Amino acid sequence: MTAAPTPLALEHAALSVWPARADEACFGWRLLAEDGYTGRANAVWPLQWTGEITLLETVAAAEAWYAARGLPAVFKLSDGATAPSDLAMVLAGRGYAPQTETLVMTRLARPAPQEISGRPSVALSENPEMAFDAVLAATARSPEELAERRAIAARVPRPRAYGALVLEGRPAAAGLTALAAGGYGGIFAMRTEPGFRRRGLGRAVLDALMRFAAEHGAHWLFLQVEAANEPAVSLYRRAGFVTAYGYRFWRKP
């Protein structure tokens, strides 16, 4: 399986391994919701559309679904994987605008990178241990966002691995990987505690997660990173990832 995956295949893979608490179909679209503090789990994923009602009516139905939960409607439009293709134009006409450009980056899972001598050891676990949670807490923007990310991370399906690196007696870096059907391994929740950044710890966690994914049957690895996060984009490029496509969240100002 060496042919590059399509954006649609990667979007479905991401949906399957980063599950939201609420996930309902709406004329082919997927409506995801948590408590509104993170992006992917609180957005419409318009990957296919049945066309049973008009596009404007479908948008209105999605808006009503989020309003019933006390949340604004947010649409995640992915390059090459948005249905129908004129959805952006319709959203713009209703006052939505694109924000937060995010890159989806991929690389072949094999050969798996080998451990580098002298690099701090990364502990992998099937469950989110205290060190993983401590790094999430140290890098969260708010207690509400932390609670939401904890809940989603705990729901990630198996096979999965939570990676954590402890340095100088403190949790320093963390991340997780999960395997989706079709041989796709997703990398999520890559975090480094602010006091330990620029010391290669994120790369150590990434390599450990990539090894796990490859050893458990992944053929392709994928991850998402905000385009404005230049240090993270650079890290992933050095690790062999290339940009496959991008997506943006469409919101009303």
Protein backbone atom coordinates (compact mmCIF):
# COMPACT_ATOMS: atom_id res chain seq x y z
CA MET A 1 0.00 0.00 0.00
CA THR A 2 2.32 2.74 -1.27
CA ALA A 3 -0.05 4.98 -3.24
CA ALA A 4 -0.56 8.27 -1.42
CA PRO A 5 -3.89 8.35 0.45
CA THR A 6 -6.58 10.72 -0.77
CA PRO A 7 -7.80 13.60 1.37
CA LEU A 8 -11.18 11.85 1.70
CA ALA A 9 -9.56 8.65 2.96
CA LEU A 10 -7.52 10.57 5.53
CA GLU A 11 -10.55 12.55 6.69
CA HIS A 12 -12.47 9.34 7.33
CA ALA A 13 -9.46 7.88 9.12
CA ALA A 14 -9.22 10.96 11.36
CA LEU A 15 -12.93 10.76 12.15
CA SER A 16 -12.60 7.15 13.26
CA VAL A 17 -9.74 7.69 15.70
CA TRP A 18 -10.55 11.11 17.20
CA PRO A 19 -14.13 10.50 18.39
CA ALA A 20 -16.44 13.22 19.67
CA ARG A 21 -19.05 12.61 22.36
CA ALA A 22 -21.87 13.51 19.97
CA ASP A 23 -21.64 12.34 16.36
CA GLU A 24 -24.72 12.37 14.12
CA ALA A 25 -25.39 12.18 10.40
CA CYS A 26 -27.08 15.08 8.62
CA PHE A 27 -27.87 14.29 4.98
CA GLY A 28 -24.43 12.73 4.57
CA TRP A 29 -22.53 15.26 6.68
CA ARG A 30 -21.17 14.35 10.12
CA LEU A 31 -22.01 16.69 12.98
CA LEU A 32 -19.57 16.41 15.90
CA ALA A 33 -19.83 18.09 19.29
CA GLU A 34 -18.18 18.14 22.69
CA ASP A 35 -18.41 21.30 24.79
CA GLY A 36 -17.07 23.74 22.20
CA TYR A 37 -13.48 24.20 23.40
CA THR A 38 -11.54 22.37 20.66
CA GLY A 39 -11.79 22.36 16.89
CA ARG A 40 -12.20 19.00 15.16
CA ALA A 41 -14.60 17.56 17.75
CA ASN A 42 -16.95 20.57 17.53
CA ALA A 43 -17.48 20.93 13.81
CA VAL A 44 -19.43 19.80 10.78
CA TRP A 45 -17.42 17.39 8.61
CA PRO A 46 -19.06 17.72 5.16
CA LEU A 47 -17.33 14.81 3.48
CA GLN A 48 -20.34 13.62 1.49
CA TRP A 49 -23.81 15.00 0.87
CA THR A 50 -26.99 13.19 -0.11
CA GLY A 51 -28.70 16.16 -1.71
CA GLU A 52 -32.11 15.12 -0.36
CA ILE A 53 -32.84 18.73 0.56
CA THR A 54 -31.27 21.95 -0.71
CA LEU A 55 -27.81 22.96 0.42
CA LEU A 56 -29.17 26.00 2.26
CA GLU A 57 -31.63 23.76 4.09
CA THR A 58 -28.82 21.36 5.02
CA VAL A 59 -26.73 24.21 6.42
CA ALA A 60 -29.76 25.42 8.39
CA ALA A 61 -30.33 21.92 9.76
CA ALA A 62 -26.72 21.77 10.94
CA GLU A 63 -27.00 25.20 12.54
CA ALA A 64 -30.12 24.12 14.40
CA TRP A 65 -28.39 20.97 15.66
CA TYR A 66 -25.57 23.03 17.22
CA ALA A 67 -27.93 25.70 18.53
CA ALA A 68 -29.85 23.00 20.40
CA ARG A 69 -26.57 22.22 22.20
CA GLY A 70 -25.76 25.84 22.94
CA LEU A 71 -22.89 25.86 20.43
CA PRO A 72 -22.18 27.90 17.30
CA ALA A 73 -22.09 26.01 14.01
CA VAL A 74 -18.54 25.55 12.73
CA PHE A 75 -17.76 23.92 9.38
CA LYS A 76 -14.49 22.08 8.74
CA LEU A 77 -13.81 22.40 5.02
CA SER A 78 -10.97 20.23 3.75
CA ASP A 79 -9.27 20.76 0.40
CA GLY A 80 -10.31 17.99 -1.97
CA ALA A 81 -12.75 16.43 0.49
CA THR A 82 -15.69 18.83 0.87
CA ALA A 83 -19.17 17.99 -0.40
CA PRO A 84 -20.68 19.70 -2.18
CA SER A 85 -17.82 21.64 -3.74
CA ASP A 86 -19.69 24.96 -3.60
CA LEU A 87 -20.28 24.81 0.15
CA ALA A 88 -17.69 27.54 0.87
CA MET A 89 -19.53 29.96 -1.40
CA VAL A 90 -22.82 29.25 0.34
CA LEU A 91 -21.26 29.67 3.79
CA ALA A 92 -19.66 32.96 2.78
CA GLY A 93 -23.07 34.18 1.70
CA ARG A 94 -24.40 33.39 5.19
CA GLY A 95 -21.67 35.37 6.93
CA TYR A 96 -19.13 32.61 7.62
CA ALA A 97 -15.40 33.16 7.08
CA PRO A 98 -12.42 30.75 7.09
CA GLN A 99 -10.07 30.71 10.08
CA THR A 100 -7.22 28.63 11.49
CA GLU A 101 -5.57 27.10 8.43
CA THR A 102 -4.40 23.61 9.34
CA LEU A 103 -2.10 21.31 7.38
CA VAL A 104 -2.58 17.57 7.12
CA MET A 105 0.85 16.00 6.74
CA THR A 106 1.68 12.42 5.80
CA ARG A 107 4.57 10.02 5.41
CA LEU A 108 5.05 6.34 4.78
CA ALA A 109 5.11 4.37 8.01
CA ARG A 110 7.97 2.12 6.96
CA PRO A 111 10.76 1.80 7.59
CA ALA A 112 10.12 2.74 11.20
CA PRO A 113 12.75 5.06 12.72
CA GLN A 114 15.09 3.45 15.21
CA GLU A 115 15.86 4.69 18.69
CA ILE A 116 18.82 7.07 18.86
CA SER A 117 21.46 6.40 21.50
CA GLY A 118 21.56 9.01 24.25
CA ARG A 119 18.07 10.32 23.61
CA PRO A 120 15.69 10.32 26.63
CA SER A 121 13.45 7.27 26.81
CA VAL A 122 9.78 7.55 25.88
CA ALA A 123 7.32 5.39 27.82
CA LEU A 124 4.37 4.03 25.85
CA SER A 125 1.13 2.87 27.42
CA GLU A 126 -2.24 1.64 26.20
CA ASN A 127 -3.91 4.04 28.65
CA PRO A 128 -3.27 7.74 29.40
CA GLU A 129 -0.89 7.65 32.37
CA MET A 130 -0.15 10.48 34.80
CA ALA A 131 2.84 11.81 32.85
CA PHE A 132 0.82 12.09 29.64
CA ASP A 133 -1.96 13.88 31.49
CA ALA A 134 0.48 16.23 33.22
CA VAL A 135 1.88 17.43 29.89
CA LEU A 136 -1.66 18.00 28.57
CA ALA A 137 -2.41 20.05 31.69
CA ALA A 138 0.77 22.12 31.38
CA THR A 139 0.01 23.05 27.77
CA ALA A 140 -3.77 23.59 27.94
CA ARG A 141 -5.21 27.01 27.17
CA SER A 142 -7.93 26.67 29.79
CA PRO A 143 -9.33 24.14 32.28
CA GLU A 144 -12.31 23.62 29.97
CA GLU A 145 -10.12 22.83 26.97
CA LEU A 146 -8.06 20.45 29.11
CA ALA A 147 -11.18 18.58 30.26
CA GLU A 148 -12.37 18.24 26.67
CA ARG A 149 -9.03 16.98 25.36
CA ARG A 150 -8.79 14.50 28.23
CA ALA A 151 -12.22 13.13 27.38
CA ILE A 152 -11.45 12.75 23.68
CA ALA A 153 -8.03 11.22 24.29
CA ALA A 154 -9.54 8.62 26.62
CA ARG A 155 -12.00 7.62 23.86
CA VAL A 156 -9.37 6.97 21.19
CA PRO A 157 -9.89 3.39 19.96
CA ARG A 158 -7.36 0.58 20.18
CA PRO A 159 -4.78 -0.17 18.97
CA ARG A 160 -3.39 2.99 20.48
CA ALA A 161 -0.38 4.23 22.40
CA TYR A 162 0.04 7.21 24.71
CA GLY A 163 3.64 8.37 24.80
CA ALA A 164 5.23 10.37 27.61
CA LEU A 165 8.77 11.50 28.28
CA VAL A 166 9.91 12.39 31.80
CA LEU A 167 13.04 14.50 32.17
CA GLU A 168 14.65 15.81 35.34
CA GLY A 169 11.86 14.17 37.29
CA ARG A 170 9.14 16.11 35.46
CA PRO A 171 6.74 15.16 32.66
CA ALA A 172 8.22 16.99 29.66
CA ALA A 173 6.62 15.84 26.39
CA ALA A 174 3.74 13.66 25.26
CA GLY A 175 1.66 12.51 22.31
CA LEU A 176 -0.54 9.65 21.18
CA THR A 177 -1.14 7.48 18.15
CA ALA A 178 -4.11 5.37 17.06
CA LEU A 179 -4.62 2.99 14.15
CA ALA A 180 -7.51 3.42 11.71
CA ALA A 181 -8.84 0.89 9.23
CA GLY A 182 -7.01 0.79 5.92
CA GLY A 183 -3.52 0.99 7.39
CA TYR A 184 -3.54 4.60 8.60
CA GLY A 185 -1.83 5.67 11.80
CA GLY A 186 -2.83 9.04 13.23
CA ILE A 187 -0.55 11.14 15.44
CA PHE A 188 -2.38 13.40 17.89
CA ALA A 189 -1.94 15.57 20.99
CA MET A 190 1.75 16.26 20.45
CA ARG A 191 2.74 18.52 23.33
CA THR A 192 5.96 19.71 25.03
CA GLU A 193 5.90 21.45 28.42
CA PRO A 194 7.05 25.06 27.82
CA GLY A 195 10.17 24.76 29.98
CA PHE A 196 11.47 21.83 27.93
CA ARG A 197 10.97 23.10 24.39
CA ARG A 198 13.70 23.20 21.73
CA ARG A 199 15.53 20.23 23.23
CA GLY A 200 14.46 17.53 20.77
CA LEU A 201 11.95 15.94 23.11
CA GLY A 202 9.03 16.29 20.74
CA ARG A 203 11.00 14.42 18.08
CA ALA A 204 11.76 11.63 20.55
CA VAL A 205 8.03 11.22 21.32
CA LEU A 206 7.14 11.39 17.62
CA ASP A 207 9.67 8.69 16.72
CA ALA A 208 8.35 6.39 19.46
CA LEU A 209 4.77 6.85 18.25
CA MET A 210 5.77 6.25 14.63
CA ARG A 211 7.52 3.01 15.62
CA PHE A 212 4.41 1.81 17.45
CA ALA A 213 2.14 2.61 14.50
CA ALA A 214 4.41 0.85 12.02
CA GLU A 215 4.74 -2.21 14.24
CA HIS A 216 0.94 -2.42 14.52
CA GLY A 217 0.21 -2.41 10.82
CA ALA A 218 0.16 1.23 9.71
CA HIS A 219 1.27 1.84 6.14
CA TRP A 220 0.76 5.60 6.19
CA LEU A 221 1.07 8.09 9.05
CA PHE A 222 -0.84 11.36 9.23
CA LEU A 223 -1.09 14.31 11.58
CA GLN A 224 -2.62 17.79 11.69
CA VAL A 225 -0.75 20.97 12.56
CA GLU A 226 -1.75 24.61 12.37
CA ALA A 227 0.04 26.25 9.44
CA ALA A 228 1.11 29.17 11.66
CA ASN A 229 2.94 26.83 14.07
CA GLU A 230 6.27 27.04 12.26
CA PRO A 231 8.37 25.13 14.86
CA ALA A 232 5.99 22.16 14.75
CA VAL A 233 5.74 22.19 10.95
CA SER A 234 9.53 22.22 10.75
CA LEU A 235 9.77 19.31 13.20
CA TYR A 236 7.39 17.19 11.17
CA ARG A 237 9.15 18.00 7.90
CA ARG A 238 12.48 16.92 9.38
CA ALA A 239 10.77 13.67 10.40
CA GLY A 240 9.79 13.02 6.78
CA PHE A 241 6.23 14.34 6.72
CA VAL A 242 4.98 16.33 3.73
CA THR A 243 1.85 18.41 3.36
CA ALA A 244 -0.96 16.47 1.70
CA TYR A 245 -3.70 19.12 1.91
CA GLY A 246 -5.16 21.68 4.26
CA TYR A 247 -8.41 22.54 5.96
CA ARG A 248 -9.99 25.57 7.58
CA PHE A 249 -12.73 26.13 10.12
CA TRP A 250 -15.51 28.34 8.80
CA ARG A 251 -17.15 30.38 11.55
CA LYS A 252 -19.35 33.43 11.86
CA PRO A 253 -17.36 36.36 13.34
